[in-house]
């Protein structure tokens, strides 16, 4: 049995401005909004954005590597940044982490979840990642 100790008081998000980076279908956007936050949801996937737009108006197609370069307006702007299961899937997780962390204002908070490294260092995943990045360049 897994026990996760809450890291934030229940009212922590009320009135805060949060960003959900790599929002996917928007499950964490929805949770943050239910806790009283204003949320900006970003992703690169059209289907993900369409799904999230069903319950959040502030949805935009932005790649996390665009933060700070093409999208300097996202730097130091948010009370809370969430990036769930995205950073470790990129071609440069260190830079991805730095981009995500840059969105948090001084005194804000960052929550990142990464999947078990044993999955992502497997031969199949490494091969698929090489193929994907080769085709996208």
Protein backbone atom coordinates (compact mmCIF):
# COMPACT_ATOMS: atom_id res chain seq x y z
CA UNK A 1 0.00 0.00 0.00
CA UNK A 2 1.30 3.40 -0.98
CA UNK A 3 0.82 6.38 1.32
CA UNK A 4 1.33 9.84 -0.13
CA UNK A 5 1.58 12.63 2.39
CA UNK A 6 -0.13 15.81 1.13
CA UNK A 7 2.49 18.44 0.31
CA UNK A 8 0.10 21.38 0.03
CA UNK A 9 -2.70 22.51 2.35
CA UNK A 10 -6.15 22.13 0.81
CA UNK A 11 -6.60 25.90 0.36
CA UNK A 12 -3.14 26.41 -1.12
CA UNK A 13 -4.43 26.72 -4.70
CA UNK A 14 -7.39 29.05 -4.10
CA UNK A 15 -6.96 32.15 -6.22
CA UNK A 16 -3.50 31.09 -7.39
CA UNK A 17 -2.36 31.15 -10.98
CA UNK A 18 -1.11 27.73 -12.06
CA UNK A 19 0.31 26.24 -15.23
CA UNK A 20 -0.21 22.63 -16.30
CA UNK A 21 2.68 21.89 -18.67
CA UNK A 22 2.00 18.93 -20.94
CA UNK A 23 -1.61 18.94 -19.77
CA UNK A 24 -2.66 15.92 -21.83
CA UNK A 25 -6.38 15.31 -21.46
CA UNK A 26 -6.44 17.82 -18.61
CA UNK A 27 -6.96 15.71 -15.53
CA UNK A 28 -4.62 17.86 -13.42
CA UNK A 29 -6.00 21.08 -14.91
CA UNK A 30 -9.41 19.95 -13.81
CA UNK A 31 -8.17 19.06 -10.32
CA UNK A 32 -6.42 22.41 -9.87
CA UNK A 33 -9.52 24.29 -11.03
CA UNK A 34 -11.65 22.29 -8.58
CA UNK A 35 -9.28 23.47 -5.83
CA UNK A 36 -9.92 27.10 -6.80
CA UNK A 37 -6.94 27.87 -9.03
CA UNK A 38 -6.84 29.77 -12.30
CA UNK A 39 -5.01 27.48 -14.71
CA UNK A 40 -3.16 27.90 -17.98
CA UNK A 41 -2.95 24.55 -19.76
CA UNK A 42 -0.30 23.95 -22.41
CA UNK A 43 0.51 20.98 -24.60
CA UNK A 44 1.62 20.26 -28.15
CA UNK A 45 -1.10 17.73 -28.93
CA UNK A 46 -4.25 18.92 -30.71
CA UNK A 47 -6.45 16.21 -29.16
CA UNK A 48 -5.09 16.98 -25.69
CA UNK A 49 -5.88 20.67 -26.06
CA UNK A 50 -9.37 19.97 -27.39
CA UNK A 51 -10.05 17.69 -24.44
CA UNK A 52 -8.79 20.18 -21.87
CA UNK A 53 -10.64 23.08 -23.49
CA UNK A 54 -13.92 21.42 -22.46
CA UNK A 55 -13.44 22.78 -18.93
CA UNK A 56 -10.69 25.39 -19.20
CA UNK A 57 -10.69 28.46 -21.43
CA UNK A 58 -6.98 29.20 -20.96
CA UNK A 59 -5.56 26.47 -23.20
CA UNK A 60 -2.74 26.98 -25.66
CA UNK A 61 -0.45 25.01 -27.96
CA UNK A 62 3.02 25.59 -26.53
CA UNK A 63 5.97 23.24 -26.43
CA UNK A 64 7.88 23.25 -23.16
CA UNK A 65 11.14 24.00 -24.99
CA UNK A 66 9.55 27.27 -26.20
CA UNK A 67 9.31 28.56 -22.63
CA UNK A 68 11.72 31.43 -22.14
CA UNK A 69 12.62 31.75 -25.82
CA UNK A 70 9.53 32.10 -28.01
CA UNK A 71 7.38 32.40 -24.87
CA UNK A 72 9.19 34.66 -22.42
CA UNK A 73 5.77 35.77 -21.11
CA UNK A 74 5.51 32.43 -19.27
CA UNK A 75 8.70 32.94 -17.24
CA UNK A 76 8.29 33.76 -13.53
CA UNK A 77 4.54 34.15 -13.88
CA UNK A 78 2.92 31.30 -11.97
CA UNK A 79 2.28 30.52 -8.32
CA UNK A 80 2.40 26.81 -9.06
CA UNK A 81 3.71 24.80 -12.01
CA UNK A 82 2.81 21.18 -12.63
CA UNK A 83 4.52 18.92 -15.15
CA UNK A 84 3.33 15.33 -14.89
CA UNK A 85 5.08 12.59 -16.85
CA UNK A 86 6.62 14.78 -19.55
CA UNK A 87 10.19 15.81 -18.74
CA UNK A 88 11.74 12.35 -18.88
CA UNK A 89 10.25 11.78 -22.36
CA UNK A 90 12.14 14.66 -23.95
CA UNK A 91 15.47 14.60 -25.79
CA UNK A 92 17.01 16.76 -23.02
CA UNK A 93 15.40 16.26 -19.59
CA UNK A 94 17.80 18.69 -17.89
CA UNK A 95 16.85 21.58 -20.18
CA UNK A 96 13.19 20.54 -19.97
CA UNK A 97 13.37 20.75 -16.18
CA UNK A 98 14.98 24.20 -16.37
CA UNK A 99 12.26 25.44 -18.76
CA UNK A 100 9.47 24.16 -16.52
CA UNK A 101 11.10 25.54 -13.37
CA UNK A 102 11.48 28.95 -15.02
CA UNK A 103 7.69 29.40 -15.08
CA UNK A 104 7.46 29.63 -11.28
CA UNK A 105 7.51 33.06 -9.69
CA UNK A 106 9.70 33.66 -6.61
CA UNK A 107 8.00 32.03 -3.64
CA UNK A 108 5.95 29.75 -5.87
CA UNK A 109 6.03 25.96 -6.07
CA UNK A 110 6.88 23.33 -8.65
CA UNK A 111 5.57 19.78 -8.81
CA UNK A 112 7.12 17.34 -11.24
CA UNK A 113 6.38 13.68 -11.63
CA UNK A 114 8.65 11.37 -13.61
CA UNK A 115 8.05 7.74 -14.38
CA UNK A 116 10.32 4.96 -13.16
CA UNK A 117 13.67 5.16 -14.93
CA UNK A 118 13.77 1.44 -15.57
CA UNK A 119 11.00 1.79 -18.15
CA UNK A 120 12.56 4.69 -20.01
CA UNK A 121 16.03 3.18 -20.30
CA UNK A 122 14.75 -0.02 -21.89
CA UNK A 123 15.91 -0.88 -25.40
CA UNK A 124 12.44 -0.47 -26.93
CA UNK A 125 11.88 3.00 -25.50
CA UNK A 126 15.39 4.22 -26.38
CA UNK A 127 14.98 2.96 -29.93
CA UNK A 128 11.54 4.53 -30.30
CA UNK A 129 12.81 7.83 -28.90
CA UNK A 130 15.78 7.89 -31.32
CA UNK A 131 13.48 7.17 -34.25
CA UNK A 132 10.96 9.82 -33.17
CA UNK A 133 13.55 12.58 -32.72
CA UNK A 134 15.31 11.66 -35.97
CA UNK A 135 12.00 11.99 -37.87
CA UNK A 136 11.08 15.28 -36.17
CA UNK A 137 14.39 17.03 -36.98
